[in-house]
PDB file of N, CA and C in Angstrom:
ATOM      1  N   VAL A   1       0.854  -1.170   0.000  1.00  0.00           N
ATOM      2  CA  VAL A   1       0.000   0.000   0.000  1.00  0.00           C
ATOM      3  C   VAL A   1       0.897   1.230   0.000  1.00  0.00           C
ATOM      4  N   VAL A   2       0.572   2.196  -0.818  1.00  0.00           N
ATOM      5  CA  VAL A   2       1.329   3.438  -0.899  1.00  0.00           C
ATOM      6  C   VAL A   2       0.385   4.592  -0.620  1.00  0.00           C
ATOM      7  N   ALA A   3       0.793   5.503   0.253  1.00  0.00           N
ATOM      8  CA  ALA A   3       0.031   6.723   0.517  1.00  0.00           C
ATOM      9  C   ALA A   3       0.978   7.896   0.367  1.00  0.00           C
ATOM     10  N   SER A   4       0.529   8.922  -0.328  1.00  0.00           N
ATOM     11  CA  SER A   4       1.358  10.096  -0.538  1.00  0.00           C
ATOM     12  C   SER A   4       0.521  11.329  -0.272  1.00  0.00           C
ATOM     13  N   LEU A   5       1.111  12.300   0.405  1.00  0.00           N
ATOM     14  CA  LEU A   5       0.409  13.517   0.778  1.00  0.00           C
ATOM     15  C   LEU A   5       1.346  14.686   0.557  1.00  0.00           C
ATOM     16  N   ARG A   6       0.849  15.740  -0.070  1.00  0.00           N
ATOM     17  CA  ARG A   6       1.673  16.913  -0.345  1.00  0.00           C
ATOM     18  C   ARG A   6       0.953  18.139   0.187  1.00  0.00           C
ATOM     19  N   ALA A   7       1.669  18.972   0.943  1.00  0.00           N
ATOM     20  CA  ALA A   7       1.086  20.193   1.505  1.00  0.00           C
ATOM     21  C   ALA A   7       1.987  21.369   1.192  1.00  0.00           C
ATOM     22  N   ARG A   8       1.395  22.439   0.722  1.00  0.00           N
ATOM     23  CA  ARG A   8       2.148  23.664   0.449  1.00  0.00           C
ATOM     24  C   ARG A   8       1.998  24.548   1.683  1.00  0.00           C
ATOM     25  N   CYS A   9       3.112  24.865   2.323  1.00  0.00           N
ATOM     26  CA  CYS A   9       3.100  25.679   3.538  1.00  0.00           C
ATOM     27  C   CYS A   9       3.197  27.166   3.223  1.00  0.00           C
ATOM     28  N   SER A  10       3.799  27.510   2.125  1.00  0.00           N
ATOM     29  CA  SER A  10       3.896  28.896   1.665  1.00  0.00           C
ATOM     30  C   SER A  10       4.192  28.845   0.170  1.00  0.00           C
ATOM     31  N   ALA A  11       4.446  29.999  -0.419  1.00  0.00           N
ATOM     32  CA  ALA A  11       4.711  30.030  -1.859  1.00  0.00           C
ATOM     33  C   ALA A  11       5.916  29.176  -2.239  1.00  0.00           C
ATOM     34  N   GLN A  12       6.913  29.083  -1.348  1.00  0.00           N
ATOM     35  CA  GLN A  12       8.128  28.329  -1.667  1.00  0.00           C
ATOM     36  C   GLN A  12       8.285  27.045  -0.867  1.00  0.00           C
ATOM     37  N   ALA A  13       7.528  26.880   0.212  1.00  0.00           N
ATOM     38  CA  ALA A  13       7.730  25.742   1.114  1.00  0.00           C
ATOM     39  C   ALA A  13       6.711  24.635   0.845  1.00  0.00           C
ATOM     40  N   VAL A  14       7.226  23.420   0.652  1.00  0.00           N
ATOM     41  CA  VAL A  14       6.375  22.267   0.370  1.00  0.00           C
ATOM     42  C   VAL A  14       6.822  21.103   1.249  1.00  0.00           C
ATOM     43  N   GLU A  15       5.844  20.394   1.822  1.00  0.00           N
ATOM     44  CA  GLU A  15       6.139  19.170   2.562  1.00  0.00           C
ATOM     45  C   GLU A  15       5.448  18.018   1.858  1.00  0.00           C
ATOM     46  N   GLU A  16       6.199  16.960   1.642  1.00  0.00           N
ATOM     47  CA  GLU A  16       5.657  15.775   0.993  1.00  0.00           C
ATOM     48  C   GLU A  16       5.916  14.579   1.897  1.00  0.00           C
ATOM     49  N   ARG A  17       4.865  13.792   2.160  1.00  0.00           N
ATOM     50  CA  ARG A  17       4.966  12.599   2.990  1.00  0.00           C
ATOM     51  C   ARG A  17       4.578  11.401   2.136  1.00  0.00           C
ATOM     52  N   ARG A  18       5.408  10.371   2.176  1.00  0.00           N
ATOM     53  CA  ARG A  18       5.125   9.161   1.403  1.00  0.00           C
ATOM     54  C   ARG A  18       5.328   7.962   2.317  1.00  0.00           C
ATOM     55  N   THR A  19       4.282   7.141   2.436  1.00  0.00           N
ATOM     56  CA  THR A  19       4.343   5.945   3.268  1.00  0.00           C
ATOM     57  C   THR A  19       4.064   4.726   2.403  1.00  0.00           C
ATOM     58  N   VAL A  20       4.933   3.732   2.511  1.00  0.00           N
ATOM     59  CA  VAL A  20       4.769   2.471   1.790  1.00  0.00           C
ATOM     60  C   VAL A  20       4.724   1.365   2.832  1.00  0.00           C
ATOM     61  N   GLN A  21       3.707   0.494   2.736  1.00  0.00           N
ATOM     62  CA  GLN A  21       3.599  -0.626   3.669  1.00  0.00           C
ATOM     63  C   GLN A  21       3.379  -1.901   2.868  1.00  0.00           C
ATOM     64  N   ASP A  22       4.163  -2.946   3.186  1.00  0.00           N
ATOM     65  CA  ASP A  22       4.010  -4.203   2.461  1.00  0.00           C
ATOM     66  C   ASP A  22       3.074  -5.144   3.209  1.00  0.00           C
ATOM     67  N   SER A  23       2.845  -6.319   2.642  1.00  0.00           N
ATOM     68  CA  SER A  23       1.889  -7.272   3.206  1.00  0.00           C
ATOM     69  C   SER A  23       2.342  -7.852   4.541  1.00  0.00           C
ATOM     70  N   GLN A  24       3.627  -7.736   4.873  1.00  0.00           N
ATOM     71  CA  GLN A  24       4.119  -8.214   6.155  1.00  0.00           C
ATOM     72  C   GLN A  24       4.126  -7.130   7.228  1.00  0.00           C
ATOM     73  N   GLY A  25       3.621  -5.950   6.903  1.00  0.00           N
ATOM     74  CA  GLY A  25       3.537  -4.867   7.876  1.00  0.00           C
ATOM     75  C   GLY A  25       4.765  -3.987   7.949  1.00  0.00           C
ATOM     76  N   ARG A  26       5.767  -4.257   7.130  1.00  0.00           N
ATOM     77  CA  ARG A  26       6.940  -3.383   7.113  1.00  0.00           C
ATOM     78  C   ARG A  26       6.533  -2.059   6.489  1.00  0.00           C
ATOM     79  N   ARG A  27       6.969  -0.964   7.106  1.00  0.00           N
ATOM     80  CA  ARG A  27       6.561   0.355   6.655  1.00  0.00           C
ATOM     81  C   ARG A  27       7.774   1.263   6.493  1.00  0.00           C
ATOM     82  N   GLU A  28       7.763   2.051   5.422  1.00  0.00           N
ATOM     83  CA  GLU A  28       8.799   3.062   5.194  1.00  0.00           C
ATOM     84  C   GLU A  28       8.098   4.393   4.944  1.00  0.00           C
ATOM     85  N   THR A  29       8.436   5.387   5.766  1.00  0.00           N
ATOM     86  CA  THR A  29       7.854   6.721   5.635  1.00  0.00           C
ATOM     87  C   THR A  29       8.966   7.710   5.328  1.00  0.00           C
ATOM     88  N   THR A  30       8.792   8.470   4.251  1.00  0.00           N
ATOM     89  CA  THR A  30       9.747   9.505   3.866  1.00  0.00           C
ATOM     90  C   THR A  30       9.041  10.847   3.910  1.00  0.00           C
ATOM     91  N   VAL A  31       9.623  11.789   4.649  1.00  0.00           N
ATOM     92  CA  VAL A  31       9.093  13.149   4.734  1.00  0.00           C
ATOM     93  C   VAL A  31      10.140  14.070   4.119  1.00  0.00           C
ATOM     94  N   THR A  32       9.743  14.791   3.078  1.00  0.00           N
ATOM     95  CA  THR A  32      10.635  15.736   2.404  1.00  0.00           C
ATOM     96  C   THR A  32      10.085  17.131   2.607  1.00  0.00           C
ATOM     97  N   ARG A  33      10.868  17.971   3.232  1.00  0.00           N
ATOM     98  CA  ARG A  33      10.508  19.379   3.421  1.00  0.00           C
ATOM     99  C   ARG A  33      11.447  20.193   2.553  1.00  0.00           C
ATOM    100  N   ARG A  34      10.860  20.943   1.626  1.00  0.00           N
ATOM    101  CA  ARG A  34      11.661  21.640   0.625  1.00  0.00           C
ATOM    102  C   ARG A  34      11.256  23.107   0.576  1.00  0.00           C
ATOM    103  N   ARG A  35      12.269  23.965   0.541  1.00  0.00           N
ATOM    104  CA  ARG A  35      12.056  25.403   0.349  1.00  0.00           C
ATOM    105  C   ARG A  35      13.153  25.885  -0.585  1.00  0.00           C
ATOM    106  N   GLY A  36      12.749  26.283  -1.789  1.00  0.00           N
ATOM    107  CA  GLY A  36      13.743  26.685  -2.782  1.00  0.00           C
ATOM    108  C   GLY A  36      14.660  25.518  -3.102  1.00  0.00           C
ATOM    109  N   ASP A  37      15.976  25.754  -3.021  1.00  0.00           N
ATOM    110  CA  ASP A  37      16.936  24.683  -3.313  1.00  0.00           C
ATOM    111  C   ASP A  37      17.386  23.949  -2.052  1.00  0.00           C
ATOM    112  N   GLN A  38      16.767  24.262  -0.907  1.00  0.00           N
ATOM    113  CA  GLN A  38      17.096  23.592   0.352  1.00  0.00           C
ATOM    114  C   GLN A  38      16.064  22.507   0.648  1.00  0.00           C
ATOM    115  N   ALA A  39      16.527  21.426   1.280  1.00  0.00           N
ATOM    116  CA  ALA A  39      15.617  20.342   1.632  1.00  0.00           C
ATOM    117  C   ALA A  39      16.129  19.611   2.866  1.00  0.00           C
ATOM    118  N   PHE A  40      15.176  19.073   3.624  1.00  0.00           N
ATOM    119  CA  PHE A  40      15.466  18.219   4.769  1.00  0.00           C
ATOM    120  C   PHE A  40      14.604  16.974   4.583  1.00  0.00           C
ATOM    121  N   ILE A  41      15.246  15.819   4.466  1.00  0.00           N
ATOM    122  CA  ILE A  41      14.552  14.574   4.147  1.00  0.00           C
ATOM    123  C   ILE A  41      14.782  13.582   5.279  1.00  0.00           C
ATOM    124  N   THR A  42      13.690  13.047   5.830  1.00  0.00           N
ATOM    125  CA  THR A  42      13.802  12.011   6.859  1.00  0.00           C
ATOM    126  C   THR A  42      13.136  10.742   6.335  1.00  0.00           C
ATOM    127  N   THR A  43      13.759   9.616   6.630  1.00  0.00           N
ATOM    128  CA  THR A  43      13.212   8.318   6.242  1.00  0.00           C
ATOM    129  C   THR A  43      13.187   7.433   7.476  1.00  0.00           C
ATOM    130  N   THR A  44      12.008   6.880   7.771  1.00  0.00           N
ATOM    131  CA  THR A  44      11.839   5.972   8.897  1.00  0.00           C
ATOM    132  C   THR A  44      11.402   4.619   8.352  1.00  0.00           C
ATOM    133  N   LYS A  45      12.135   3.568   8.723  1.00  0.00           N
ATOM    134  CA  LYS A  45      11.793   2.204   8.314  1.00  0.00           C
ATOM    135  C   LYS A  45      11.436   1.418   9.565  1.00  0.00           C
ATOM    136  N   GLU A  46      10.265   0.765   9.535  1.00  0.00           N
ATOM    137  CA  GLU A  46       9.796  -0.031  10.668  1.00  0.00           C
ATOM    138  C   GLU A  46       9.437  -1.427  10.176  1.00  0.00           C
ATOM    139  N   ASP A  47       9.828  -2.443  10.956  1.00  0.00           N
ATOM    140  CA  ASP A  47       9.477  -3.813  10.579  1.00  0.00           C
ATOM    141  C   ASP A  47       8.719  -4.543  11.682  1.00  0.00           C
ATOM    142  N   GLY A  48       8.222  -3.811  12.668  1.00  0.00           N
ATOM    143  CA  GLY A  48       7.497  -4.428  13.770  1.00  0.00           C
ATOM    144  C   GLY A  48       8.387  -4.743  14.953  1.00  0.00           C
ATOM    145  N   GLN A  49       9.671  -4.942  14.719  1.00  0.00           N
ATOM    146  CA  GLN A  49      10.607  -5.238  15.793  1.00  0.00           C
ATOM    147  C   GLN A  49      11.634  -4.139  15.983  1.00  0.00           C
ATOM    148  N   SER A  50      11.951  -3.428  14.927  1.00  0.00           N
ATOM    149  CA  SER A  50      12.952  -2.367  15.026  1.00  0.00           C
ATOM    150  C   SER A  50      12.532  -1.173  14.182  1.00  0.00           C
ATOM    151  N   LYS A  51      13.208  -0.058  14.441  1.00  0.00           N
ATOM    152  CA  LYS A  51      12.922   1.183  13.739  1.00  0.00           C
ATOM    153  C   LYS A  51      14.252   1.819  13.358  1.00  0.00           C
ATOM    154  N   ASP A  52      14.402   2.187  12.087  1.00  0.00           N
ATOM    155  CA  ASP A  52      15.620   2.811  11.585  1.00  0.00           C
ATOM    156  C   ASP A  52      15.265   4.205  11.094  1.00  0.00           C
ATOM    157  N   TYR A  53      16.057   5.205  11.479  1.00  0.00           N
ATOM    158  CA  TYR A  53      15.774   6.598  11.151  1.00  0.00           C
ATOM    159  C   TYR A  53      16.990   7.208  10.465  1.00  0.00           C
ATOM    160  N   GLN A  54      16.778   7.844   9.310  1.00  0.00           N
ATOM    161  CA  GLN A  54      17.869   8.489   8.575  1.00  0.00           C
ATOM    162  C   GLN A  54      17.463   9.910   8.217  1.00  0.00           C
ATOM    163  N   GLU A  55      18.449  10.810   8.190  1.00  0.00           N
ATOM    164  CA  GLU A  55      18.221  12.198   7.801  1.00  0.00           C
ATOM    165  C   GLU A  55      19.176  12.573   6.676  1.00  0.00           C
ATOM    166  N   GLU A  56      18.689  13.422   5.774  1.00  0.00           N
ATOM    167  CA  GLU A  56      19.526  13.962   4.708  1.00  0.00           C
ATOM    168  C   GLU A  56      19.271  15.464   4.630  1.00  0.00           C
ATOM    169  N   VAL A  57      20.340  16.242   4.590  1.00  0.00           N
ATOM    170  CA  VAL A  57      20.260  17.702   4.505  1.00  0.00           C
ATOM    171  C   VAL A  57      20.820  18.120   3.152  1.00  0.00           C
ATOM    172  N   VAL A  58      20.073  18.969   2.435  1.00  0.00           N
ATOM    173  CA  VAL A  58      20.480  19.399   1.099  1.00  0.00           C
ATOM    174  C   VAL A  58      20.652  20.914   1.087  1.00  0.00           C
ATOM    175  N   ASN A  59      21.854  21.379   0.732  1.00  0.00           N
ATOM    176  CA  ASN A  59      22.182  22.809   0.570  1.00  0.00           C
ATOM    177  C   ASN A  59      21.992  23.653   1.831  1.00  0.00           C
ATOM    178  N   MET A  60      22.383  23.121   3.005  1.00  0.00           N
ATOM    179  CA  MET A  60      22.290  23.881   4.256  1.00  0.00           C
ATOM    180  C   MET A  60      23.449  23.533   5.171  1.00  0.00           C
ATOM    181  N   ASP A  61      23.922  24.537   5.925  1.00  0.00           N
ATOM    182  CA  ASP A  61      24.862  24.274   7.009  1.00  0.00           C
ATOM    183  C   ASP A  61      24.043  24.174   8.303  1.00  0.00           C
ATOM    184  N   ASP A  62      24.712  23.982   9.449  1.00  0.00           N
ATOM    185  CA  ASP A  62      24.006  23.798  10.720  1.00  0.00           C
ATOM    186  C   ASP A  62      23.143  24.999  11.094  1.00  0.00           C
ATOM    187  N   ARG A  63      23.646  26.208  10.870  1.00  0.00           N
ATOM    188  CA  ARG A  63      22.889  27.419  11.207  1.00  0.00           C
ATOM    189  C   ARG A  63      21.621  27.517  10.354  1.00  0.00           C
ATOM    190  N   GLU A  64      21.776  27.288   9.054  1.00  0.00           N
ATOM    191  CA  GLU A  64      20.623  27.337   8.149  1.00  0.00           C
ATOM    192  C   GLU A  64      19.621  26.228   8.468  1.00  0.00           C
ATOM    193  N   LEU A  65      20.120  25.062   8.862  1.00  0.00           N
ATOM    194  CA  LEU A  65      19.242  23.952   9.212  1.00  0.00           C
ATOM    195  C   LEU A  65      18.386  24.299  10.425  1.00  0.00           C
ATOM    196  N   ALA A  66      18.980  24.923  11.441  1.00  0.00           N
ATOM    197  CA  ALA A  66      18.217  25.315  12.630  1.00  0.00           C
ATOM    198  C   ALA A  66      17.121  26.313  12.265  1.00  0.00           C
ATOM    199  N   GLN A  67      17.434  27.264  11.422  1.00  0.00           N
ATOM    200  CA  GLN A  67      16.444  28.248  10.983  1.00  0.00           C
ATOM    201  C   GLN A  67      15.364  27.568  10.128  1.00  0.00           C
ATOM    202  N   PHE A  68      15.768  26.700   9.234  1.00  0.00           N
ATOM    203  CA  PHE A  68      14.848  25.966   8.364  1.00  0.00           C
ATOM    204  C   PHE A  68      13.885  25.122   9.203  1.00  0.00           C
ATOM    205  N   ALA A  69      14.416  24.403  10.182  1.00  0.00           N
ATOM    206  CA  ALA A  69      13.596  23.525  11.021  1.00  0.00           C
ATOM    207  C   ALA A  69      12.579  24.307  11.839  1.00  0.00           C
ATOM    208  N   GLY A  70      12.909  25.533  12.221  1.00  0.00           N
ATOM    209  CA  GLY A  70      11.995  26.345  13.016  1.00  0.00           C
ATOM    210  C   GLY A  70      10.762  26.808  12.267  1.00  0.00           C
ATOM    211  N   THR A  71      10.747  26.679  10.952  1.00  0.00           N
ATOM    212  CA  THR A  71       9.602  27.137  10.167  1.00  0.00           C
ATOM    213  C   THR A  71       8.559  26.048   9.937  1.00  0.00           C
ATOM    214  N   TRP A  72       8.826  24.832  10.405  1.00  0.00           N
ATOM    215  CA  TRP A  72       7.922  23.701  10.179  1.00  0.00           C
ATOM    216  C   TRP A  72       7.385  23.188  11.509  1.00  0.00           C
ATOM    217  N   PRO A  73       6.248  22.468  11.498  1.00  0.00           N
ATOM    218  CA  PRO A  73       5.806  21.785  12.723  1.00  0.00           C
ATOM    219  C   PRO A  73       6.848  20.741  13.113  1.00  0.00           C
ATOM    220  N   ARG A  74       6.970  20.473  14.407  1.00  0.00           N
ATOM    221  CA  ARG A  74       7.919  19.451  14.849  1.00  0.00           C
ATOM    222  C   ARG A  74       7.513  18.095  14.303  1.00  0.00           C
ATOM    223  N   GLN A  75       8.503  17.246  14.055  1.00  0.00           N
ATOM    224  CA  GLN A  75       8.261  15.924  13.467  1.00  0.00           C
ATOM    225  C   GLN A  75       7.322  15.088  14.333  1.00  0.00           C
ATOM    226  N   ASP A  76       7.440  15.179  15.671  1.00  0.00           N
ATOM    227  CA  ASP A  76       6.594  14.362  16.535  1.00  0.00           C
ATOM    228  C   ASP A  76       5.164  14.882  16.616  1.00  0.00           C
ATOM    229  N   GLU A  77       4.884  16.055  16.049  1.00  0.00           N
ATOM    230  CA  GLU A  77       3.522  16.572  16.006  1.00  0.00           C
ATOM    231  C   GLU A  77       2.769  16.035  14.795  1.00  0.00           C
ATOM    232  N   LEU A  78       3.479  15.408  13.877  1.00  0.00           N
ATOM    233  CA  LEU A  78       2.884  14.897  12.653  1.00  0.00           C
ATOM    234  C   LEU A  78       2.734  13.389  12.753  1.00  0.00           C
ATOM    235  N   ARG A  79       1.698  12.866  12.126  1.00  0.00           N
ATOM    236  CA  ARG A  79       1.483  11.424  12.124  1.00  0.00           C
ATOM    237  C   ARG A  79       1.458  10.915  10.693  1.00  0.00           C
ATOM    238  N   SER A  80       1.908   9.699  10.520  1.00  0.00           N
ATOM    239  CA  SER A  80       1.766   9.050   9.220  1.00  0.00           C
ATOM    240  C   SER A  80       0.312   8.649   9.049  1.00  0.00           C
ATOM    241  N   PRO A  81      -0.180   8.640   7.830  1.00  0.00           N
ATOM    242  CA  PRO A  81      -1.560   8.235   7.625  1.00  0.00           C
ATOM    243  C   PRO A  81      -1.764   6.783   8.019  1.00  0.00           C
ATOM    244  N   ASN A  82      -2.870   6.508   8.714  1.00  0.00           N
ATOM    245  CA  ASN A  82      -3.208   5.154   9.123  1.00  0.00           C
ATOM    246  C   ASN A  82      -4.229   4.614   8.128  1.00  0.00           C
ATOM    247  N   LEU A  83      -3.803   3.755   7.238  1.00  0.00           N
ATOM    248  CA  LEU A  83      -4.669   3.282   6.166  1.00  0.00           C
ATOM    249  C   LEU A  83      -5.723   2.304   6.651  1.00  0.00           C
ATOM    250  N   SER A  84      -5.571   1.725   7.836  1.00  0.00           N
ATOM    251  CA  SER A  84      -6.572   0.793   8.344  1.00  0.00           C
ATOM    252  C   SER A  84      -7.578   1.473   9.269  1.00  0.00           C
ATOM    253  N   ASP A  85      -7.350   2.722   9.644  1.00  0.00           N
ATOM    254  CA  ASP A  85      -8.258   3.470  10.512  1.00  0.00           C
ATOM    255  C   ASP A  85      -9.503   3.859   9.722  1.00  0.00           C
ATOM    256  N   PRO A  86     -10.719   3.453  10.178  1.00  0.00           N
ATOM    257  CA  PRO A  86     -11.929   3.768   9.427  1.00  0.00           C
ATOM    258  C   PRO A  86     -12.201   5.266   9.323  1.00  0.00           C
ATOM    259  N   SER A  87     -11.672   6.067  10.236  1.00  0.00           N
ATOM    260  CA  SER A  87     -11.920   7.509  10.183  1.00  0.00           C
ATOM    261  C   SER A  87     -10.881   8.244   9.335  1.00  0.00           C
ATOM    262  N   SER A  88      -9.864   7.542   8.880  1.00  0.00           N
ATOM    263  CA  SER A  88      -8.817   8.150   8.068  1.00  0.00           C
ATOM    264  C   SER A  88      -9.347   8.476   6.675  1.00  0.00           C
ATOM    265  N   VAL A  89      -9.088   9.695   6.221  1.00  0.00           N
ATOM    266  CA  VAL A  89      -9.520  10.097   4.883  1.00  0.00           C
ATOM    267  C   VAL A  89      -8.866   9.213   3.835  1.00  0.00           C
ATOM    268  N   LEU A  90      -7.554   9.002   3.965  1.00  0.00           N
ATOM    269  CA  LEU A  90      -6.869   8.135   3.003  1.00  0.00           C
ATOM    270  C   LEU A  90      -7.362   6.698   3.108  1.00  0.00           C
ATOM    271  N   GLY A  91      -7.608   6.254   4.347  1.00  0.00           N
ATOM    272  CA  GLY A  91      -8.117   4.899   4.542  1.00  0.00           C
ATOM    273  C   GLY A  91      -9.455   4.707   3.860  1.00  0.00           C
ATOM    274  N   SER A  92     -10.344   5.689   3.993  1.00  0.00           N
ATOM    275  CA  SER A  92     -11.653   5.563   3.363  1.00  0.00           C
ATOM    276  C   SER A  92     -11.528   5.619   1.842  1.00  0.00           C
ATOM    277  N   PHE A  93     -10.614   6.442   1.344  1.00  0.00           N
ATOM    278  CA  PHE A  93     -10.372   6.500  -0.104  1.00  0.00           C
ATOM    279  C   PHE A  93      -9.924   5.136  -0.624  1.00  0.00           C
ATOM    280  N   PHE A  94      -8.923   4.534   0.033  1.00  0.00           N
ATOM    281  CA  PHE A  94      -8.417   3.243  -0.422  1.00  0.00           C
ATOM    282  C   PHE A  94      -9.472   2.149  -0.301  1.00  0.00           C
ATOM    283  N   ARG A  95     -10.264   2.160   0.778  1.00  0.00           N
ATOM    284  CA  ARG A  95     -11.316   1.153   0.916  1.00  0.00           C
ATOM    285  C   ARG A  95     -12.351   1.301  -0.194  1.00  0.00           C
ATOM    286  N   ARG A  96     -12.732   2.544  -0.497  1.00  0.00           N
ATOM    287  CA  ARG A  96     -13.748   2.786  -1.519  1.00  0.00           C
ATOM    288  C   ARG A  96     -13.264   2.318  -2.891  1.00  0.00           C
ATOM    289  N   TRP A  97     -12.020   2.620  -3.238  1.00  0.00           N
ATOM    290  CA  TRP A  97     -11.528   2.322  -4.577  1.00  0.00           C
ATOM    291  C   TRP A  97     -10.994   0.905  -4.749  1.00  0.00           C
ATOM    292  N   PHE A  98     -10.513   0.302  -3.668  1.00  0.00           N
ATOM    293  CA  PHE A  98      -9.847  -0.983  -3.829  1.00  0.00           C
ATOM    294  C   PHE A  98     -10.524  -2.141  -3.099  1.00  0.00           C
ATOM    295  N   SER A  99     -11.643  -1.902  -2.428  1.00  0.00           N
ATOM    296  CA  SER A  99     -12.279  -2.985  -1.680  1.00  0.00           C
ATOM    297  C   SER A  99     -12.916  -4.022  -2.603  1.00  0.00           C
ATOM    298  N   SER A 100     -13.215  -3.647  -3.830  1.00  0.00           N
ATOM    299  CA  SER A 100     -13.841  -4.599  -4.749  1.00  0.00           C
ATOM    300  C   SER A 100     -12.824  -5.511  -5.427  1.00  0.00           C
ATOM    301  N   TRP A 101     -11.553  -5.295  -5.227  1.00  0.00           N
ATOM    302  CA  TRP A 101     -10.514  -6.093  -5.894  1.00  0.00           C
ATOM    303  C   TRP A 101     -10.351  -7.397  -5.239  1.00  0.00           C
TER     304      TRP A 101
END
């Protein structure tokens, strides 16, 4: 299952979240926050027993990264879409379109 969500925070700032989950429950979530030519990309891989977290910084030094990070909601304030939750908008979309398969 793949879920992708894109939000424009301002004229130049875009956040994109992509979650992929396989039939064994392994999940990979990538969050890309981009403003102009700068980007901060986090990837979280979960397999039910362990969790791996990676970060990538594009075109920023430490000072710029701190300023860049202050313009976005904190990572722990955001949730990945729950595709099995009946109240989830994405979950209801996937159930409606793919339940007949």
